[in-house]
Structures are given as structure tokens and as C-alpha cells.
N, C-alpha and C. Protein backbone atom coordinates (compact mmCIF):
# COMPACT_ATOMS: atom_id res chain seq x y z
N MET A 1 146.64 136.30 99.71
CA MET A 1 146.39 134.87 99.69
C MET A 1 147.73 134.15 99.60
N GLU A 2 147.97 133.29 100.55
CA GLU A 2 149.23 132.55 100.61
C GLU A 2 149.19 131.36 99.65
N LYS A 3 150.29 131.14 98.95
CA LYS A 3 150.40 130.02 98.01
C LYS A 3 150.34 128.70 98.76
N LEU A 4 149.67 127.72 98.18
CA LEU A 4 149.55 126.40 98.79
C LEU A 4 150.65 125.47 98.28
N THR A 5 151.05 124.53 99.13
CA THR A 5 151.95 123.47 98.69
C THR A 5 151.16 122.51 97.81
N ILE A 6 151.83 121.61 97.15
CA ILE A 6 151.15 120.62 96.30
C ILE A 6 150.18 119.79 97.13
N GLN A 7 150.62 119.37 98.32
CA GLN A 7 149.77 118.55 99.19
C GLN A 7 148.56 119.36 99.68
N GLU A 8 148.78 120.61 100.04
CA GLU A 8 147.67 121.45 100.49
C GLU A 8 146.67 121.69 99.35
N GLU A 9 147.19 121.92 98.17
CA GLU A 9 146.32 122.15 97.02
C GLU A 9 145.47 120.91 96.73
N GLU A 10 146.09 119.74 96.81
CA GLU A 10 145.34 118.50 96.58
C GLU A 10 144.20 118.34 97.60
N VAL A 11 144.49 118.58 98.87
CA VAL A 11 143.46 118.50 99.90
C VAL A 11 142.39 119.56 99.66
N MET A 12 142.80 120.76 99.29
CA MET A 12 141.85 121.84 99.05
C MET A 12 140.92 121.51 97.90
N ILE A 13 141.42 120.85 96.86
CA ILE A 13 140.57 120.44 95.74
C ILE A 13 139.50 119.48 96.23
N TYR A 14 139.87 118.54 97.10
CA TYR A 14 138.88 117.62 97.67
C TYR A 14 137.86 118.38 98.51
N ILE A 15 138.31 119.36 99.28
CA ILE A 15 137.38 120.14 100.11
C ILE A 15 136.41 120.92 99.23
N TRP A 16 136.91 121.52 98.15
CA TRP A 16 136.01 122.23 97.23
C TRP A 16 134.98 121.26 96.64
N GLU A 17 135.41 120.05 96.29
CA GLU A 17 134.48 119.06 95.74
C GLU A 17 133.42 118.66 96.77
N LEU A 18 133.85 118.48 98.00
CA LEU A 18 132.95 117.99 99.06
C LEU A 18 132.08 119.08 99.67
N GLY A 19 132.53 120.31 99.64
CA GLY A 19 131.84 121.37 100.37
C GLY A 19 132.21 121.24 101.84
N SER A 20 131.25 121.20 102.73
CA SER A 20 131.54 120.98 104.15
C SER A 20 131.88 119.51 104.35
N CYS A 21 132.95 119.24 105.11
CA CYS A 21 133.39 117.86 105.25
C CYS A 21 134.23 117.68 106.50
N PHE A 22 134.47 116.42 106.82
CA PHE A 22 135.34 116.03 107.92
C PHE A 22 136.62 115.46 107.33
N VAL A 23 137.66 115.36 108.14
CA VAL A 23 138.93 114.82 107.65
C VAL A 23 138.73 113.43 107.07
N LYS A 24 137.90 112.61 107.69
CA LYS A 24 137.67 111.24 107.19
C LYS A 24 137.09 111.26 105.78
N ASP A 25 136.27 112.27 105.46
CA ASP A 25 135.70 112.39 104.11
C ASP A 25 136.80 112.69 103.09
N ILE A 26 137.75 113.52 103.50
CA ILE A 26 138.86 113.88 102.61
C ILE A 26 139.74 112.65 102.37
N VAL A 27 140.06 111.93 103.43
CA VAL A 27 140.88 110.72 103.32
C VAL A 27 140.21 109.74 102.35
N ALA A 28 138.89 109.63 102.42
CA ALA A 28 138.14 108.70 101.56
C ALA A 28 138.23 109.08 100.08
N LYS A 29 138.49 110.34 99.76
CA LYS A 29 138.59 110.79 98.37
C LYS A 29 139.90 110.35 97.70
N TYR A 30 140.92 110.09 98.50
CA TYR A 30 142.23 109.72 97.95
C TYR A 30 142.18 108.34 97.31
N PRO A 31 142.94 108.14 96.23
CA PRO A 31 143.10 106.78 95.70
C PRO A 31 143.91 105.96 96.71
N LYS A 32 143.74 104.66 96.67
CA LYS A 32 144.46 103.77 97.59
C LYS A 32 145.90 103.61 97.14
N PRO A 33 146.86 103.56 97.98
CA PRO A 33 146.74 103.73 99.43
C PRO A 33 146.66 105.20 99.80
N ALA A 34 145.67 105.53 100.61
CA ALA A 34 145.48 106.92 101.05
C ALA A 34 146.54 107.26 102.10
N PRO A 35 146.86 108.55 102.20
CA PRO A 35 147.80 108.95 103.26
C PRO A 35 147.14 108.74 104.63
N PRO A 36 147.93 108.66 105.69
CA PRO A 36 147.37 108.49 107.02
C PRO A 36 146.43 109.64 107.40
N TYR A 37 145.43 109.33 108.20
CA TYR A 37 144.47 110.31 108.70
C TYR A 37 145.20 111.50 109.33
N THR A 38 146.22 111.21 110.14
CA THR A 38 146.94 112.27 110.85
C THR A 38 147.65 113.23 109.89
N THR A 39 148.14 112.70 108.79
CA THR A 39 148.80 113.54 107.78
C THR A 39 147.79 114.50 107.16
N VAL A 40 146.63 113.96 106.77
CA VAL A 40 145.58 114.80 106.16
C VAL A 40 145.08 115.82 107.18
N ALA A 41 144.91 115.41 108.43
CA ALA A 41 144.46 116.33 109.47
C ALA A 41 145.45 117.49 109.64
N SER A 42 146.71 117.18 109.57
CA SER A 42 147.76 118.20 109.69
C SER A 42 147.70 119.18 108.52
N ILE A 43 147.49 118.67 107.34
CA ILE A 43 147.37 119.53 106.15
C ILE A 43 146.15 120.44 106.27
N VAL A 44 145.04 119.88 106.74
CA VAL A 44 143.82 120.67 106.91
C VAL A 44 144.04 121.78 107.94
N LYS A 45 144.76 121.47 109.01
CA LYS A 45 145.07 122.50 110.02
C LYS A 45 145.89 123.63 109.39
N ASN A 46 146.82 123.29 108.50
CA ASN A 46 147.59 124.32 107.78
C ASN A 46 146.67 125.18 106.91
N LEU A 47 145.72 124.53 106.27
CA LEU A 47 144.76 125.27 105.44
C LEU A 47 143.91 126.21 106.29
N GLU A 48 143.58 125.76 107.49
CA GLU A 48 142.82 126.62 108.40
C GLU A 48 143.69 127.81 108.83
N ARG A 49 144.94 127.56 109.16
CA ARG A 49 145.87 128.62 109.56
C ARG A 49 146.04 129.64 108.43
N LYS A 50 146.06 129.15 107.19
CA LYS A 50 146.22 130.03 106.02
C LYS A 50 144.90 130.67 105.60
N LYS A 51 143.82 130.35 106.34
CA LYS A 51 142.48 130.91 106.12
C LYS A 51 141.82 130.45 104.82
N TYR A 52 142.15 129.25 104.39
CA TYR A 52 141.49 128.66 103.22
C TYR A 52 140.23 127.90 103.62
N VAL A 53 140.18 127.44 104.87
CA VAL A 53 139.00 126.73 105.38
C VAL A 53 138.65 127.29 106.75
N THR A 54 137.37 127.11 107.10
CA THR A 54 136.93 127.42 108.45
C THR A 54 136.54 126.10 109.11
N ALA A 55 136.65 126.08 110.45
CA ALA A 55 136.35 124.86 111.20
C ALA A 55 135.20 125.13 112.16
N ALA A 56 134.29 124.17 112.24
CA ALA A 56 133.19 124.23 113.20
C ALA A 56 133.20 122.93 114.00
N ARG A 57 133.18 123.05 115.32
CA ARG A 57 133.21 121.87 116.18
C ARG A 57 131.88 121.14 116.08
N VAL A 58 131.96 119.85 115.81
CA VAL A 58 130.77 118.98 115.77
C VAL A 58 131.10 117.78 116.64
N GLY A 59 130.53 117.74 117.83
CA GLY A 59 130.86 116.66 118.76
C GLY A 59 132.32 116.76 119.15
N ASN A 60 133.05 115.66 118.96
CA ASN A 60 134.47 115.67 119.32
C ASN A 60 135.39 115.80 118.10
N THR A 61 134.84 116.30 116.99
CA THR A 61 135.63 116.49 115.78
C THR A 61 135.30 117.85 115.17
N TYR A 62 135.88 118.14 114.02
CA TYR A 62 135.63 119.41 113.34
C TYR A 62 135.14 119.18 111.92
N GLN A 63 134.23 120.05 111.52
CA GLN A 63 133.75 120.06 110.14
C GLN A 63 134.38 121.26 109.46
N TYR A 64 134.94 121.02 108.28
CA TYR A 64 135.66 122.08 107.56
C TYR A 64 134.87 122.51 106.34
N THR A 65 134.91 123.82 106.10
CA THR A 65 134.19 124.42 104.97
C THR A 65 135.15 125.36 104.24
N PRO A 66 135.12 125.35 102.91
CA PRO A 66 136.00 126.27 102.17
C PRO A 66 135.70 127.73 102.53
N ALA A 67 136.73 128.50 102.78
CA ALA A 67 136.58 129.92 103.06
C ALA A 67 136.89 130.76 101.82
N ILE A 68 137.50 130.12 100.83
CA ILE A 68 137.88 130.77 99.58
C ILE A 68 137.31 129.93 98.43
N ARG A 69 136.68 130.60 97.48
CA ARG A 69 136.14 129.88 96.32
C ARG A 69 137.28 129.40 95.42
N GLU A 70 137.05 128.26 94.80
CA GLU A 70 138.06 127.70 93.89
C GLU A 70 138.38 128.67 92.77
N SER A 71 137.36 129.33 92.24
CA SER A 71 137.58 130.28 91.13
C SER A 71 138.46 131.45 91.58
N GLU A 72 138.31 131.88 92.82
CA GLU A 72 139.13 132.97 93.35
C GLU A 72 140.60 132.54 93.44
N TYR A 73 140.82 131.31 93.91
CA TYR A 73 142.18 130.78 94.01
C TYR A 73 142.82 130.67 92.62
N LYS A 74 142.08 130.10 91.68
CA LYS A 74 142.60 129.94 90.32
C LYS A 74 142.94 131.29 89.70
N ARG A 75 142.05 132.25 89.85
CA ARG A 75 142.26 133.58 89.26
C ARG A 75 143.53 134.21 89.83
N THR A 76 143.70 134.15 91.13
CA THR A 76 144.87 134.76 91.77
C THR A 76 146.16 134.12 91.31
N PHE A 77 146.22 132.79 91.31
CA PHE A 77 147.49 132.14 91.02
C PHE A 77 147.75 131.97 89.53
N MET A 78 146.72 131.94 88.72
CA MET A 78 146.95 131.92 87.27
C MET A 78 147.51 133.26 86.82
N SER A 79 147.05 134.34 87.40
CA SER A 79 147.58 135.66 87.05
C SER A 79 149.07 135.72 87.36
N GLY A 80 149.46 135.21 88.52
CA GLY A 80 150.87 135.19 88.89
C GLY A 80 151.68 134.30 87.97
N PHE A 81 151.12 133.16 87.61
CA PHE A 81 151.78 132.21 86.71
C PHE A 81 152.03 132.86 85.35
N VAL A 82 151.01 133.49 84.81
CA VAL A 82 151.14 134.15 83.50
C VAL A 82 152.15 135.30 83.61
N HIS A 83 152.09 136.04 84.68
CA HIS A 83 153.03 137.15 84.87
C HIS A 83 154.48 136.64 84.96
N ASN A 84 154.70 135.60 85.74
CA ASN A 84 156.06 135.10 85.97
C ASN A 84 156.65 134.34 84.79
N TYR A 85 155.84 133.61 84.06
CA TYR A 85 156.38 132.72 83.03
C TYR A 85 156.09 133.17 81.59
N PHE A 86 155.14 134.06 81.40
CA PHE A 86 154.75 134.43 80.03
C PHE A 86 154.67 135.95 79.84
N GLU A 87 155.51 136.69 80.55
CA GLU A 87 155.61 138.14 80.40
C GLU A 87 154.25 138.82 80.49
N ASN A 88 153.40 138.28 81.38
CA ASN A 88 152.06 138.82 81.64
C ASN A 88 151.17 138.79 80.40
N SER A 89 151.40 137.83 79.50
CA SER A 89 150.64 137.74 78.25
C SER A 89 149.96 136.37 78.15
N TYR A 90 148.64 136.40 78.18
CA TYR A 90 147.90 135.15 78.00
C TYR A 90 148.08 134.64 76.57
N LYS A 91 148.26 135.55 75.64
CA LYS A 91 148.53 135.17 74.25
C LYS A 91 149.82 134.36 74.17
N GLU A 92 150.86 134.81 74.88
CA GLU A 92 152.13 134.07 74.91
C GLU A 92 151.94 132.69 75.53
N MET A 93 151.11 132.61 76.55
CA MET A 93 150.87 131.33 77.20
C MET A 93 150.19 130.35 76.23
N VAL A 94 149.14 130.80 75.57
CA VAL A 94 148.43 129.94 74.62
C VAL A 94 149.36 129.55 73.48
N SER A 95 150.15 130.49 73.00
CA SER A 95 151.11 130.22 71.93
C SER A 95 152.11 129.15 72.35
N PHE A 96 152.60 129.25 73.58
CA PHE A 96 153.53 128.24 74.11
C PHE A 96 152.91 126.85 74.07
N PHE A 97 151.67 126.72 74.55
CA PHE A 97 151.03 125.41 74.59
C PHE A 97 150.73 124.90 73.18
N ALA A 98 150.43 125.80 72.26
CA ALA A 98 150.20 125.39 70.87
C ALA A 98 151.50 124.88 70.25
N LYS A 99 152.61 125.59 70.47
CA LYS A 99 153.90 125.17 69.93
C LYS A 99 154.36 123.85 70.52
N GLU A 100 154.05 123.63 71.79
CA GLU A 100 154.43 122.38 72.46
C GLU A 100 153.44 121.25 72.16
N GLN A 101 152.46 121.54 71.32
CA GLN A 101 151.42 120.59 70.93
C GLN A 101 150.65 120.06 72.14
N LYS A 102 150.41 120.94 73.11
CA LYS A 102 149.63 120.60 74.29
C LYS A 102 148.17 121.02 74.12
N ILE A 103 147.93 121.78 73.05
CA ILE A 103 146.58 122.22 72.75
C ILE A 103 146.38 122.09 71.24
N SER A 104 145.25 121.52 70.85
CA SER A 104 145.01 121.25 69.43
C SER A 104 144.33 122.44 68.75
N THR A 105 144.31 122.39 67.43
CA THR A 105 143.62 123.42 66.64
C THR A 105 142.15 123.44 67.00
N ASN A 106 141.56 122.25 67.17
CA ASN A 106 140.14 122.20 67.55
C ASN A 106 139.90 122.82 68.92
N ASP A 107 140.82 122.58 69.85
CA ASP A 107 140.69 123.20 71.17
C ASP A 107 140.74 124.72 71.06
N LEU A 108 141.65 125.21 70.23
CA LEU A 108 141.77 126.66 70.04
C LEU A 108 140.49 127.23 69.42
N LYS A 109 139.92 126.52 68.47
CA LYS A 109 138.66 126.96 67.86
C LYS A 109 137.55 126.99 68.91
N ASP A 110 137.51 125.96 69.77
CA ASP A 110 136.51 125.92 70.84
C ASP A 110 136.68 127.10 71.79
N ILE A 111 137.92 127.44 72.10
CA ILE A 111 138.20 128.57 72.99
C ILE A 111 137.73 129.87 72.35
N ILE A 112 138.00 130.04 71.06
CA ILE A 112 137.57 131.24 70.35
C ILE A 112 136.04 131.32 70.36
N ASP A 113 135.37 130.20 70.12
CA ASP A 113 133.90 130.17 70.17
C ASP A 113 133.39 130.58 71.55
N MET A 114 134.04 130.06 72.61
CA MET A 114 133.62 130.41 73.97
C MET A 114 133.80 131.91 74.23
N ILE A 115 134.90 132.48 73.75
CA ILE A 115 135.17 133.91 73.94
C ILE A 115 134.12 134.73 73.19
N GLU A 116 133.83 134.35 71.96
CA GLU A 116 132.87 135.08 71.16
C GLU A 116 131.46 135.00 71.75
N LYS A 117 131.08 133.83 72.25
CA LYS A 117 129.76 133.69 72.88
C LYS A 117 129.67 134.50 74.17
N GLY A 118 130.78 134.62 74.87
CA GLY A 118 130.82 135.40 76.09
C GLY A 118 130.64 136.89 75.86
N LYS A 119 130.98 137.34 74.66
CA LYS A 119 130.86 138.77 74.32
C LYS A 119 129.44 139.14 73.94
N GLU A 120 128.64 138.13 73.63
CA GLU A 120 127.26 138.42 73.17
C GLU A 120 126.37 138.86 74.31
């Protein structure tokens, strides 16, 4: 799976939200001022080339559908992120965010509860 640029990732998030969609639907998701239609179309073509979306011809345009699930993308790139920045330790990652005060004690308790419920 090829890494996405920031712009490609942003478009891909909109595609995951929309499901099957046209470029005009993606442009409509952007806050104003939205990027030009041609820019978004170009990004979508890159996503198709990278096999993140599939295209189906509908009249004189194309409808795009995600070819990769969002959860699959997150799993792949979060693993790399943890490996590269936190010595392959999720514990180190959580510790970092706790020390930087990016995650609260209550959030940590909620995470522990979620983990424990998942084991049941």
C-alpha cells in the first residue's frame, strides 16, 4: 500500500465518508473556498492509480468507490508510525501523549475500559 500525500489523504477521507461518489460530491465536502474541480479530479486520478479507488463510467463522468477500507489504511500506517517514532511500542506512544498532556487521565481510563470490555 503506497503512502498518501496530505491532499490525497484528505480526499480519501471524503470518499470513505461518501462511499460511491463523483468528483463534484468531493468538492462539495470541502469548506469554502473549495479547491478547483480540476485539482480534486487530479487527486482522485492519483488515488485510482495508487489503487485506493475504483472508477466506473456513468454517462460522461466517473463514479469513484473506495477500494481500500479506512480501517485497513489506518492499521497499515499506524503500525509504521509506531514502529518509526516509538520503537514499535504502543505503550511508548501512549506514554508520549500522556507526558505531552495530549491525553487526559479520564481518556486513559476510558481506553483501559474499552480494552477490558474487548477481552470479555
